[in-house]
Protein backbone atom coordinates (compact mmCIF):
# COMPACT_ATOMS: atom_id res chain seq x y z
CA UNK A 1 -0.23 -0.10 -0.08
CA UNK A 2 2.68 2.50 1.01
CA UNK A 3 4.73 2.47 -2.03
CA UNK A 4 1.94 2.48 -4.28
CA UNK A 5 0.48 5.77 -2.29
CA UNK A 6 4.11 7.16 -2.95
CA UNK A 7 4.13 6.17 -6.74
CA UNK A 8 0.56 7.64 -7.09
CA UNK A 9 1.28 11.06 -5.36
CA UNK A 10 4.15 11.50 -7.10
CA UNK A 11 2.02 10.97 -10.48
CA UNK A 12 -0.40 13.21 -9.11
CA UNK A 13 2.12 15.82 -8.59
CA UNK A 14 3.94 15.19 -11.75
CA UNK A 15 1.47 16.28 -13.60
CA UNK A 16 -0.64 18.83 -11.89
CA UNK A 17 1.51 21.35 -13.79
CA UNK A 18 -0.63 20.27 -17.11
CA UNK A 19 -4.03 20.60 -15.47
CA UNK A 20 -4.50 24.82 -15.66
CA UNK A 21 -4.10 27.41 -12.91
CA UNK A 22 -4.27 25.83 -9.48
CA UNK A 23 -5.63 27.53 -6.47
CA UNK A 24 -5.61 27.61 -3.09
CA UNK A 25 -8.86 26.37 -0.54
CA UNK A 26 -9.02 26.34 2.77
CA UNK A 27 -10.43 22.59 4.39
CA UNK A 28 -11.80 22.70 7.94
CA UNK A 29 -10.53 20.19 9.76
CA UNK A 30 -10.21 18.62 13.17
CA UNK A 31 -7.01 18.87 15.18
CA UNK A 32 -6.80 15.09 15.34
CA UNK A 33 -7.37 15.16 11.61
CA UNK A 34 -4.25 17.07 10.51
CA UNK A 35 -2.40 15.90 13.04
CA UNK A 36 -3.02 12.33 11.08
CA UNK A 37 -2.37 14.10 8.06
CA UNK A 38 1.15 15.28 9.36
CA UNK A 39 2.17 12.08 10.70
CA UNK A 40 1.05 10.28 7.05
CA UNK A 41 3.21 12.99 5.07
CA UNK A 42 6.21 12.23 7.24
CA UNK A 43 6.05 8.58 7.14
CA UNK A 44 6.03 8.89 3.49
CA UNK A 45 8.39 11.92 2.84
CA UNK A 46 5.74 13.92 1.43
CA UNK A 47 3.86 17.47 2.34
CA UNK A 48 0.48 17.72 3.73
CA UNK A 49 -0.57 19.81 0.86
CA UNK A 50 0.64 16.80 -1.78
CA UNK A 51 -1.21 14.31 0.69
CA UNK A 52 -4.47 16.39 0.40
CA UNK A 53 -4.02 16.63 -3.05
CA UNK A 54 -3.56 13.00 -3.82
CA UNK A 55 -6.87 12.12 -1.02
CA UNK A 56 -9.07 15.17 -2.82
CA UNK A 57 -8.08 13.79 -6.45
CA UNK A 58 -8.70 10.04 -5.63
CA UNK A 59 -11.81 10.30 -3.80
CA UNK A 60 -13.36 12.59 -6.47
CA UNK A 61 -12.19 9.60 -9.04
CA UNK A 62 -13.78 7.11 -7.23
CA UNK A 63 -17.11 9.41 -6.60
CA UNK A 64 -16.85 9.92 -10.59
CA UNK A 65 -15.86 6.08 -11.86
CA UNK A 66 -19.26 5.73 -9.52
CA UNK A 67 -16.65 3.21 -7.13
CA UNK A 68 -17.74 5.16 -3.92
CA UNK A 69 -21.07 6.54 -3.28
CA UNK A 70 -21.57 9.94 -0.94
CA UNK A 71 -24.39 9.02 1.44
CA UNK A 72 -26.48 12.64 1.50
CA UNK A 73 -29.61 12.24 3.23
CA UNK A 74 -31.55 14.92 2.29
CA UNK A 75 -30.27 17.65 -0.22
CA UNK A 76 -31.52 20.41 1.89
CA UNK A 77 -29.12 19.25 4.79
CA UNK A 78 -26.43 21.37 3.68
CA UNK A 79 -24.67 21.71 7.64
CA UNK A 80 -24.33 17.83 8.00
CA UNK A 81 -20.98 16.83 8.05
CA UNK A 82 -20.28 13.64 5.48
CA UNK A 83 -19.39 10.72 7.79
CA UNK A 84 -20.27 12.52 10.74
CA UNK A 85 -22.64 10.02 13.06
């Protein structure tokens, strides 16, 4: 898993230059979630940004391919956090 993740992250980051302008956006995370991302980034030798870019793009690809469905109960419930109980 770790070797595949490193290859995937490296591939995404090298292809990123060809996707047009990159814009910075803020993401609200809990302190422990940030710590987990930082731990993973340190373990794999990548920046926090590289790990988060890979996670978001991987998730988006899975959703587009139909391999993952986002559990949204109602369209009007916009404040519900995905994955929260």
